[in-house]
Protein backbone atom coordinates (compact mmCIF):
# COMPACT_ATOMS: atom_id res chain seq x y z
CA MET A 1 -1.86 -12.64 6.32
CA VAL A 2 -5.18 -13.67 4.87
CA LEU A 3 -5.86 -16.40 2.33
CA PHE A 4 -9.11 -16.19 0.38
CA SER A 5 -10.16 -19.50 -1.14
CA LEU A 6 -13.26 -21.58 -0.66
CA GLY A 7 -14.06 -19.60 2.46
CA LEU A 8 -10.69 -20.34 4.11
CA VAL A 9 -9.37 -17.42 6.13
CA VAL A 10 -6.06 -17.55 8.00
CA THR A 11 -5.29 -14.69 10.36
CA ALA A 12 -1.95 -12.93 10.57
CA ALA A 13 -1.55 -14.04 14.19
CA ALA A 14 -2.02 -17.70 13.29
CA ALA A 15 0.37 -17.45 10.36
CA THR A 16 2.98 -15.68 12.46
CA ALA A 17 2.69 -18.21 15.27
CA ALA A 18 2.99 -21.07 12.80
CA HIS A 19 6.24 -19.69 11.41
CA GLY A 20 7.83 -18.54 14.68
CA THR A 21 8.43 -14.89 13.84
CA SER A 22 7.04 -11.94 15.70
CA VAL A 23 6.36 -8.75 13.82
CA ASP A 24 5.10 -5.46 15.26
CA LYS A 25 2.46 -4.24 12.84
CA SER A 26 1.07 -1.55 15.14
CA ASN A 27 2.10 1.11 12.62
CA ASN A 28 -0.17 -0.14 9.81
CA LYS A 29 -3.53 1.28 10.87
CA GLY A 30 -5.51 2.27 7.80
CA PHE A 31 -3.18 0.49 5.38
CA GLY A 32 -4.59 -1.57 2.52
CA TYR A 33 -3.57 -5.13 1.65
CA ALA A 34 -0.77 -6.52 -0.51
CA GLN A 35 -2.41 -9.28 -2.57
CA VAL A 36 -1.36 -11.99 -5.02
CA VAL A 37 -4.19 -13.24 -7.24
CA ASN A 38 -3.55 -16.59 -8.93
CA GLU A 39 -5.36 -16.95 -12.25
CA CYS A 40 -2.81 -19.51 -13.48
CA ASP A 41 -3.62 -23.16 -14.07
CA PHE A 42 -0.88 -24.06 -11.55
CA GLN A 43 -0.26 -23.43 -7.85
CA LEU A 44 1.91 -20.52 -6.68
CA THR A 45 4.26 -20.32 -3.70
CA VAL A 46 4.48 -16.98 -1.85
CA TYR A 47 6.95 -15.70 0.75
CA SER A 48 6.67 -12.38 2.59
CA VAL A 49 10.08 -10.97 3.49
CA GLY A 50 10.97 -8.00 5.66
CA GLN A 51 13.43 -8.40 8.51
CA PHE A 52 12.15 -11.98 8.76
CA GLN A 53 10.92 -14.38 6.10
CA ARG A 54 7.39 -15.75 6.42
CA GLY A 55 6.13 -18.59 4.28
CA PRO A 56 5.88 -20.57 2.18
CA PHE A 57 2.20 -19.92 1.58
CA TYR A 58 0.49 -21.84 -1.24
CA VAL A 59 -2.01 -20.14 -3.52
CA GLU A 60 -4.29 -22.42 -5.51
CA THR A 61 -5.72 -21.55 -8.93
CA GLY A 62 -8.50 -18.98 -8.50
CA SER A 63 -7.33 -18.00 -4.99
CA THR A 64 -5.93 -14.82 -3.48
CA TRP A 65 -3.18 -14.52 -0.84
CA ALA A 66 -3.15 -11.25 1.12
CA GLU A 67 -1.54 -9.55 4.09
CA GLN A 68 -2.13 -6.06 5.40
CA MET A 69 0.62 -3.75 4.18
CA TRP A 70 3.04 -2.60 6.82
CA ARG A 71 6.46 -1.03 7.24
CA ASP A 72 9.17 -3.22 8.74
CA PRO A 73 11.03 -1.19 11.42
CA VAL A 74 14.38 -2.69 10.35
CA ALA A 75 14.11 -3.54 6.64
CA GLY A 76 11.67 -0.75 5.74
CA GLY A 77 10.14 -2.23 2.61
CA ILE A 78 8.55 -5.63 2.17
CA ALA A 79 9.32 -8.11 -0.63
CA ILE A 80 6.57 -10.53 -1.62
CA LYS A 81 8.36 -13.33 -3.48
CA VAL A 82 6.25 -15.40 -5.87
CA LEU A 83 7.18 -18.52 -7.80
CA PRO A 84 5.41 -21.40 -9.49
CA LYS A 85 4.99 -24.29 -7.03
CA ASN A 86 6.96 -26.58 -9.38
CA ASN A 87 10.03 -24.32 -8.87
CA GLU A 88 9.91 -24.77 -5.10
CA SER A 89 12.89 -27.14 -5.03
CA ASP A 90 14.96 -24.04 -5.82
CA ALA A 91 12.89 -22.00 -3.35
CA LEU A 92 14.28 -18.47 -3.15
CA GLY A 93 17.67 -19.44 -4.54
CA GLY A 94 16.04 -19.98 -7.93
CA ALA A 95 13.95 -17.94 -10.32
CA HIS A 96 11.10 -15.96 -8.77
CA THR A 97 9.21 -12.69 -9.12
CA VAL A 98 9.55 -10.01 -6.44
CA PHE A 99 6.54 -7.80 -5.79
CA ALA A 100 8.02 -5.17 -3.45
CA TYR A 101 6.50 -2.20 -1.68
CA ASN A 102 7.44 0.46 0.84
CA ALA A 103 4.59 2.04 2.78
CA ASN A 104 5.92 5.44 3.86
CA GLN A 105 4.63 7.16 6.96
CA PRO A 106 3.27 9.59 8.01
CA GLU A 107 2.69 10.81 4.44
CA GLY A 108 0.90 7.61 3.40
CA ASN A 109 2.81 7.34 0.13
CA LEU A 110 3.35 3.97 -1.50
CA ASN A 111 6.35 2.95 -3.60
CA TYR A 112 6.09 -0.37 -5.43
CA ASP A 113 8.07 -2.42 -7.90
CA LEU A 114 7.95 -5.68 -9.85
CA THR A 115 11.14 -7.60 -10.72
CA ASN A 116 12.07 -11.08 -11.94
CA VAL A 117 15.09 -12.52 -10.12
CA PHE A 118 17.68 -15.03 -11.43
CA LYS A 119 15.71 -15.61 -14.63
CA PRO A 120 13.95 -12.89 -16.60
CA ASP A 121 11.11 -15.14 -17.71
CA VAL A 122 10.00 -17.08 -14.62
CA PHE A 123 6.37 -16.50 -15.68
CA ALA A 124 7.02 -16.33 -19.45
CA GLY A 125 3.84 -16.27 -21.50
CA HIS A 126 1.68 -15.38 -18.48
CA ALA A 127 0.48 -11.78 -18.23
CA MET A 128 1.14 -9.99 -14.94
CA GLU A 129 -0.42 -6.81 -13.63
CA MET A 130 0.31 -4.84 -10.45
CA ARG A 131 -2.39 -2.35 -9.58
CA ALA A 132 -2.78 -0.01 -6.59
CA GLY A 133 -5.62 2.39 -5.81
CA PRO A 134 -7.39 4.93 -8.02
CA GLY A 135 -4.95 7.31 -9.70
CA CYS A 136 -1.94 5.06 -8.99
CA PRO A 137 0.18 3.93 -11.97
CA VAL A 138 -0.22 0.31 -13.14
CA VAL A 139 2.62 -2.11 -13.94
CA TYR A 140 1.62 -4.44 -16.79
CA TRP A 141 3.78 -7.19 -18.27
CA PRO A 142 1.77 -8.86 -21.08
CA GLU A 143 4.30 -11.70 -21.47
CA GLY A 144 5.33 -12.17 -17.81
CA HIS A 145 8.59 -10.23 -18.04
CA ALA A 146 9.61 -6.58 -17.91
CA THR A 147 8.49 -4.55 -20.89
CA GLN A 148 8.81 -1.24 -19.06
CA SER A 149 10.41 0.21 -15.95
CA ALA A 150 8.46 -1.39 -13.12
CA GLY A 151 9.03 1.07 -10.26
CA ARG A 152 6.02 3.19 -9.34
CA ALA A 153 5.01 5.70 -6.65
CA CYS A 154 1.56 6.74 -5.53
CA GLN A 155 0.80 9.65 -3.25
CA GLY A 156 -1.54 8.50 -0.48
CA GLY A 157 -1.57 4.94 -1.88
CA VAL A 158 -1.12 3.04 1.40
CA THR A 159 -4.85 3.09 2.12
CA SER A 160 -5.61 1.14 -1.08
CA ASN A 161 -4.92 -2.51 -1.85
CA LEU A 162 -1.84 -3.30 -3.95
CA THR A 163 -2.63 -6.33 -6.09
CA LEU A 164 -0.42 -8.50 -8.29
CA THR A 165 -2.50 -10.64 -10.65
CA ILE A 166 -0.64 -13.45 -12.42
CA CYS A 167 -1.89 -15.21 -15.59
CA LYS A 168 -4.70 -12.73 -16.07
CA ASP A 169 -6.45 -12.76 -19.42
CA PHE A 170 -6.57 -9.03 -20.18
CA ASP A 171 -8.35 -9.37 -23.55
């Protein structure tokens, strides 16, 4: 896990040690990063969930949270759960957005999806975009909720970054 903000960098090893889970990421060589970019005027809370849950991680306005993509040997795919910091009292039992991906090997294909859970408008009025590498389909929600099917697949996409930008001004 890496957090980019004001020069602050937190390594995956430090984040894992801090949260007491051990994850074998030896199978992710050459993989890009899963990223959450916060362009909102409020703080975000992020959890990374495979077999184990890691987080919460806090993403300030103008900051980016990232971890290298990987494939969980038990769960397979990874769910990056994002919610406004003010919803944290509900944590993952309340409304949140799930930015999920499955990095398939050895083909290097990437499947990804965006879903709102427990409330369809957790980020109502705030544009959201999920973008992978060149040639990969984009998920765009101009009002912060599903306006189209959000599941996508990209051949060879695991080498690119997969980025969810929240509150982006796309004008």
